[in-house]
Amino acid sequence: MALEHTEPVLLVRKRAELAGEWERSCHLAALPEDGTRSTLLTLCGERIDVGAVELLPEPEGMPCVACLLSVPPRG
């Protein structure tokens, strides 16, 4: 998923009651334009149901390396 520097992103991970700890990495997901999507598409390409997502105010836990590598360099 291509991302522009100006696009806002969300920090998300799967909720604890719905996923094992090994599945709960911190992902980056583009903010849905219309706010009505039922799934979020992370930068690594994983689709996560909005009802299964925990929004994070700051990075927490293990980051998703594929999401981090998808962020374009500044400059």
C-alpha atoms as a PDB file:
ATOM      1  CA  MET A   1       0.000   0.000   0.000  1.00  0.00           C
ATOM      2  CA  ALA A   2       1.496   3.334  -1.051  1.00  0.00           C
ATOM      3  CA  LEU A   3       1.335   6.136   1.467  1.00  0.00           C
ATOM      4  CA  GLU A   4       1.902   9.848   1.042  1.00  0.00           C
ATOM      5  CA  HIS A   5       3.542  11.882   3.820  1.00  0.00           C
ATOM      6  CA  THR A   6       0.384  13.933   4.227  1.00  0.00           C
ATOM      7  CA  GLU A   7      -1.947  11.010   4.848  1.00  0.00           C
ATOM      8  CA  PRO A   8      -2.909  10.439   8.492  1.00  0.00           C
ATOM      9  CA  VAL A   9      -2.378   6.955   9.887  1.00  0.00           C
ATOM     10  CA  LEU A  10      -3.786   5.070  12.846  1.00  0.00           C
ATOM     11  CA  LEU A  11      -1.808   2.908  15.251  1.00  0.00           C
ATOM     12  CA  VAL A  12      -3.815  -0.280  15.711  1.00  0.00           C
ATOM     13  CA  ARG A  13      -3.517  -3.826  16.951  1.00  0.00           C
ATOM     14  CA  LYS A  14      -5.913  -6.713  17.367  1.00  0.00           C
ATOM     15  CA  ARG A  15      -7.826  -6.745  20.657  1.00  0.00           C
ATOM     16  CA  ALA A  16      -6.503  -9.116  23.318  1.00  0.00           C
ATOM     17  CA  GLU A  17      -9.742 -11.073  23.669  1.00  0.00           C
ATOM     18  CA  LEU A  18      -9.774 -11.826  19.916  1.00  0.00           C
ATOM     19  CA  ALA A  19      -6.139 -12.678  19.200  1.00  0.00           C
ATOM     20  CA  GLY A  20      -3.182 -14.359  20.822  1.00  0.00           C
ATOM     21  CA  GLU A  21      -0.330 -12.175  22.040  1.00  0.00           C
ATOM     22  CA  TRP A  22       1.842 -13.203  19.079  1.00  0.00           C
ATOM     23  CA  GLU A  23      -0.801 -11.746  16.702  1.00  0.00           C
ATOM     24  CA  ARG A  24      -0.996  -8.383  18.457  1.00  0.00           C
ATOM     25  CA  SER A  25       1.747  -6.388  16.745  1.00  0.00           C
ATOM     26  CA  CYS A  26       1.322  -2.658  16.383  1.00  0.00           C
ATOM     27  CA  HIS A  27       0.244  -1.923  12.792  1.00  0.00           C
ATOM     28  CA  LEU A  28      -0.061   1.309  10.835  1.00  0.00           C
ATOM     29  CA  ALA A  29      -3.329   1.741   8.954  1.00  0.00           C
ATOM     30  CA  ALA A  30      -4.399   4.575   6.681  1.00  0.00           C
ATOM     31  CA  LEU A  31      -7.259   6.580   8.118  1.00  0.00           C
ATOM     32  CA  PRO A  32     -10.395   5.702   6.104  1.00  0.00           C
ATOM     33  CA  GLU A  33     -11.432   8.695   4.016  1.00  0.00           C
ATOM     34  CA  ASP A  34     -15.147   8.381   4.732  1.00  0.00           C
ATOM     35  CA  GLY A  35     -14.893   6.827   8.190  1.00  0.00           C
ATOM     36  CA  THR A  36     -17.445   4.143   7.338  1.00  0.00           C
ATOM     37  CA  ARG A  37     -15.286   1.180   6.401  1.00  0.00           C
ATOM     38  CA  SER A  38     -15.844  -2.056   8.255  1.00  0.00           C
ATOM     39  CA  THR A  39     -12.201  -3.102   7.826  1.00  0.00           C
ATOM     40  CA  LEU A  40      -8.907  -1.279   8.051  1.00  0.00           C
ATOM     41  CA  LEU A  41      -6.138  -1.953   5.542  1.00  0.00           C
ATOM     42  CA  THR A  42      -2.749  -1.860   7.225  1.00  0.00           C
ATOM     43  CA  LEU A  43       0.375  -0.724   5.411  1.00  0.00           C
ATOM     44  CA  CYS A  44       1.607  -4.323   5.365  1.00  0.00           C
ATOM     45  CA  GLY A  45      -1.584  -5.354   3.542  1.00  0.00           C
ATOM     46  CA  GLU A  46      -3.429  -7.064   6.396  1.00  0.00           C
ATOM     47  CA  ARG A  47      -7.151  -6.356   6.626  1.00  0.00           C
ATOM     48  CA  ILE A  48      -8.462  -6.108  10.188  1.00  0.00           C
ATOM     49  CA  ASP A  49     -12.140  -5.836  11.079  1.00  0.00           C
ATOM     50  CA  VAL A  50     -12.874  -2.538  12.824  1.00  0.00           C
ATOM     51  CA  GLY A  51     -14.618  -4.414  15.653  1.00  0.00           C
ATOM     52  CA  ALA A  52     -11.442  -6.407  16.309  1.00  0.00           C
ATOM     53  CA  VAL A  53      -9.160  -3.362  16.500  1.00  0.00           C
ATOM     54  CA  GLU A  54      -7.719  -1.560  19.493  1.00  0.00           C
ATOM     55  CA  LEU A  55      -6.708   2.031  18.654  1.00  0.00           C
ATOM     56  CA  LEU A  56      -3.432   2.993  20.288  1.00  0.00           C
ATOM     57  CA  PRO A  57      -2.511   6.554  21.333  1.00  0.00           C
ATOM     58  CA  GLU A  58       1.192   5.672  20.936  1.00  0.00           C
ATOM     59  CA  PRO A  59       3.206   2.640  19.803  1.00  0.00           C
ATOM     60  CA  GLU A  60       2.828  -0.257  22.207  1.00  0.00           C
ATOM     61  CA  GLY A  61       4.249  -3.743  22.034  1.00  0.00           C
ATOM     62  CA  MET A  62       6.048  -5.260  19.079  1.00  0.00           C
ATOM     63  CA  PRO A  63       5.811  -3.202  15.866  1.00  0.00           C
ATOM     64  CA  CYS A  64       4.876  -4.800  12.566  1.00  0.00           C
ATOM     65  CA  VAL A  65       8.148  -4.664  10.643  1.00  0.00           C
ATOM     66  CA  ALA A  66       6.382  -4.824   7.266  1.00  0.00           C
ATOM     67  CA  CYS A  67       4.290  -1.748   8.187  1.00  0.00           C
ATOM     68  CA  LEU A  68       7.415   0.142   9.266  1.00  0.00           C
ATOM     69  CA  LEU A  69       9.203  -0.722   6.022  1.00  0.00           C
ATOM     70  CA  SER A  70       6.186   0.568   4.044  1.00  0.00           C
ATOM     71  CA  VAL A  71       6.490   4.095   5.435  1.00  0.00           C
ATOM     72  CA  PRO A  72       8.106   6.357   2.826  1.00  0.00           C
ATOM     73  CA  PRO A  73      11.306   8.115   3.860  1.00  0.00           C
ATOM     74  CA  ARG A  74      11.087  11.772   4.806  1.00  0.00           C
ATOM     75  CA  GLY A  75      12.761  14.244   2.620  1.00  0.00           C
END
